[in-house]
Amino acid sequence: MDAGNQFLGTERIGKLMRQYAAPCIISLLVGALYNIVDQIFIANASYLGSYGNAANTVVFR
């Protein structure tokens, strides 16, 4: 095992969970915010409206 990643195999699980939880939560929040803003932007476009939101929902699911 690489010396730089050896702590992943030897460190306590609780400490690793606390260490990696924040970046995971931040990335999930950024993705959700992106989707919300995208839906608002598409809904406000006069030429797309509800069809644009439906298409965006199908693509992201």
N, C-alpha and C. Protein backbone atom coordinates (compact mmCIF):
# COMPACT_ATOMS: atom_id res chain seq x y z
N MET A 1 0.85 -1.18 0.00
CA MET A 1 0.00 0.00 0.00
C MET A 1 0.89 1.23 0.00
N ASP A 2 0.48 2.26 -0.74
CA ASP A 2 1.23 3.50 -0.83
C ASP A 2 1.32 4.16 0.54
N ALA A 3 2.48 4.71 0.85
CA ALA A 3 2.69 5.32 2.17
C ALA A 3 1.77 6.52 2.39
N GLY A 4 1.41 7.23 1.33
CA GLY A 4 0.54 8.38 1.47
C GLY A 4 -0.89 8.01 1.83
N ASN A 5 -1.33 6.82 1.48
CA ASN A 5 -2.69 6.38 1.75
C ASN A 5 -2.76 5.32 2.84
N GLN A 6 -1.68 5.07 3.52
CA GLN A 6 -1.65 4.02 4.54
C GLN A 6 -2.59 4.32 5.70
N PHE A 7 -2.81 5.60 5.99
CA PHE A 7 -3.68 5.94 7.11
C PHE A 7 -5.11 5.49 6.87
N LEU A 8 -5.53 5.30 5.60
CA LEU A 8 -6.88 4.83 5.32
C LEU A 8 -7.09 3.42 5.84
N GLY A 9 -6.05 2.63 5.88
CA GLY A 9 -6.17 1.26 6.37
C GLY A 9 -5.91 1.10 7.85
N THR A 10 -5.33 2.10 8.47
CA THR A 10 -4.96 1.96 9.88
C THR A 10 -5.70 2.91 10.82
N GLU A 11 -6.29 3.98 10.26
CA GLU A 11 -6.96 4.97 11.10
C GLU A 11 -8.33 4.45 11.55
N ARG A 12 -8.80 4.99 12.66
CA ARG A 12 -10.12 4.60 13.16
C ARG A 12 -11.22 5.08 12.22
N ILE A 13 -12.28 4.27 12.10
CA ILE A 13 -13.37 4.56 11.18
C ILE A 13 -14.07 5.87 11.54
N GLY A 14 -14.31 6.10 12.81
CA GLY A 14 -14.99 7.32 13.24
C GLY A 14 -14.23 8.58 12.84
N LYS A 15 -12.92 8.56 12.99
CA LYS A 15 -12.11 9.72 12.61
C LYS A 15 -12.14 9.93 11.10
N LEU A 16 -12.07 8.85 10.35
CA LEU A 16 -12.14 8.97 8.89
C LEU A 16 -13.49 9.50 8.43
N MET A 17 -14.57 9.05 9.08
CA MET A 17 -15.91 9.53 8.73
C MET A 17 -16.03 11.03 8.98
N ARG A 18 -15.53 11.49 10.13
CA ARG A 18 -15.57 12.92 10.43
C ARG A 18 -14.71 13.72 9.45
N GLN A 19 -13.58 13.16 9.06
CA GLN A 19 -12.65 13.86 8.18
C GLN A 19 -13.22 14.01 6.77
N TYR A 20 -13.91 13.00 6.27
CA TYR A 20 -14.40 13.02 4.89
C TYR A 20 -15.87 13.40 4.76
N ALA A 21 -16.56 13.61 5.85
CA ALA A 21 -17.98 13.95 5.78
C ALA A 21 -18.19 15.36 5.25
N ALA A 22 -17.40 16.31 5.71
CA ALA A 22 -17.59 17.71 5.30
C ALA A 22 -17.43 17.91 3.79
N PRO A 23 -16.38 17.40 3.15
CA PRO A 23 -16.28 17.59 1.69
C PRO A 23 -17.43 16.91 0.94
N CYS A 24 -17.89 15.80 1.43
CA CYS A 24 -19.00 15.09 0.79
C CYS A 24 -20.28 15.91 0.91
N ILE A 25 -20.56 16.43 2.08
CA ILE A 25 -21.77 17.23 2.30
C ILE A 25 -21.73 18.49 1.45
N ILE A 26 -20.58 19.14 1.39
CA ILE A 26 -20.44 20.36 0.59
C ILE A 26 -20.67 20.06 -0.89
N SER A 27 -20.12 18.98 -1.40
CA SER A 27 -20.30 18.66 -2.82
C SER A 27 -21.76 18.32 -3.12
N LEU A 28 -22.45 17.64 -2.23
CA LEU A 28 -23.86 17.34 -2.44
C LEU A 28 -24.71 18.62 -2.40
N LEU A 29 -24.39 19.53 -1.50
CA LEU A 29 -25.12 20.80 -1.44
C LEU A 29 -24.89 21.65 -2.69
N VAL A 30 -23.67 21.66 -3.20
CA VAL A 30 -23.37 22.41 -4.43
C VAL A 30 -24.14 21.82 -5.60
N GLY A 31 -24.19 20.50 -5.71
CA GLY A 31 -24.95 19.86 -6.78
C GLY A 31 -26.43 20.15 -6.69
N ALA A 32 -26.98 20.11 -5.49
CA ALA A 32 -28.40 20.41 -5.31
C ALA A 32 -28.70 21.86 -5.63
N LEU A 33 -27.83 22.77 -5.20
CA LEU A 33 -28.02 24.19 -5.50
C LEU A 33 -27.96 24.44 -7.00
N TYR A 34 -27.05 23.77 -7.68
CA TYR A 34 -26.95 23.91 -9.14
C TYR A 34 -28.25 23.47 -9.80
N ASN A 35 -28.80 22.35 -9.38
CA ASN A 35 -30.05 21.86 -9.96
C ASN A 35 -31.22 22.80 -9.69
N ILE A 36 -31.28 23.37 -8.49
CA ILE A 36 -32.37 24.29 -8.14
C ILE A 36 -32.28 25.55 -9.00
N VAL A 37 -31.09 26.12 -9.09
CA VAL A 37 -30.91 27.33 -9.89
C VAL A 37 -31.19 27.05 -11.36
N ASP A 38 -30.79 25.90 -11.85
CA ASP A 38 -31.05 25.53 -13.23
C ASP A 38 -32.56 25.42 -13.50
N GLN A 39 -33.29 24.83 -12.58
CA GLN A 39 -34.74 24.71 -12.74
C GLN A 39 -35.40 26.09 -12.73
N ILE A 40 -34.95 26.98 -11.86
CA ILE A 40 -35.52 28.33 -11.81
C ILE A 40 -35.22 29.08 -13.11
N PHE A 41 -34.00 28.97 -13.59
CA PHE A 41 -33.62 29.64 -14.83
C PHE A 41 -34.45 29.14 -16.01
N ILE A 42 -34.63 27.84 -16.11
CA ILE A 42 -35.40 27.27 -17.21
C ILE A 42 -36.88 27.66 -17.09
N ALA A 43 -37.42 27.67 -15.89
CA ALA A 43 -38.83 28.02 -15.69
C ALA A 43 -39.10 29.46 -16.07
N ASN A 44 -38.12 30.34 -15.91
CA ASN A 44 -38.31 31.75 -16.24
C ASN A 44 -38.14 32.04 -17.72
N ALA A 45 -37.64 31.10 -18.49
CA ALA A 45 -37.49 31.31 -19.93
C ALA A 45 -38.87 31.20 -20.58
N SER A 46 -39.27 32.23 -21.27
CA SER A 46 -40.63 32.27 -21.83
C SER A 46 -40.85 31.21 -22.91
N TYR A 47 -39.81 30.80 -23.59
CA TYR A 47 -39.95 29.83 -24.68
C TYR A 47 -39.85 28.39 -24.20
N LEU A 48 -39.51 28.14 -22.95
CA LEU A 48 -39.39 26.77 -22.44
C LEU A 48 -40.51 26.43 -21.48
N GLY A 49 -40.59 27.18 -20.38
CA GLY A 49 -41.64 26.96 -19.39
C GLY A 49 -41.63 25.57 -18.79
N SER A 50 -42.81 24.99 -18.64
CA SER A 50 -42.93 23.70 -17.97
C SER A 50 -42.34 22.56 -18.79
N TYR A 51 -42.33 22.68 -20.11
CA TYR A 51 -41.71 21.63 -20.93
C TYR A 51 -40.20 21.58 -20.70
N GLY A 52 -39.60 22.72 -20.52
CA GLY A 52 -38.17 22.76 -20.23
C GLY A 52 -37.85 22.14 -18.89
N ASN A 53 -38.69 22.40 -17.87
CA ASN A 53 -38.48 21.78 -16.56
C ASN A 53 -38.67 20.28 -16.62
N ALA A 54 -39.66 19.84 -17.38
CA ALA A 54 -39.88 18.40 -17.52
C ALA A 54 -38.70 17.72 -18.21
N ALA A 55 -38.19 18.34 -19.26
CA ALA A 55 -37.03 17.77 -19.96
C ALA A 55 -35.80 17.74 -19.06
N ASN A 56 -35.59 18.79 -18.30
CA ASN A 56 -34.45 18.85 -17.39
C ASN A 56 -34.56 17.79 -16.30
N THR A 57 -35.75 17.58 -15.80
CA THR A 57 -35.96 16.56 -14.77
C THR A 57 -35.68 15.17 -15.32
N VAL A 58 -36.10 14.90 -16.54
CA VAL A 58 -35.87 13.59 -17.15
C VAL A 58 -34.36 13.36 -17.34
N VAL A 59 -33.65 14.39 -17.77
CA VAL A 59 -32.21 14.25 -18.02
C VAL A 59 -31.43 14.03 -16.73
N PHE A 60 -31.79 14.73 -15.66
CA PHE A 60 -31.02 14.63 -14.41
C PHE A 60 -31.43 13.45 -13.54
N ARG A 61 -32.47 12.73 -13.86
CA ARG A 61 -32.88 11.58 -13.04
C ARG A 61 -32.29 10.36 -13.58
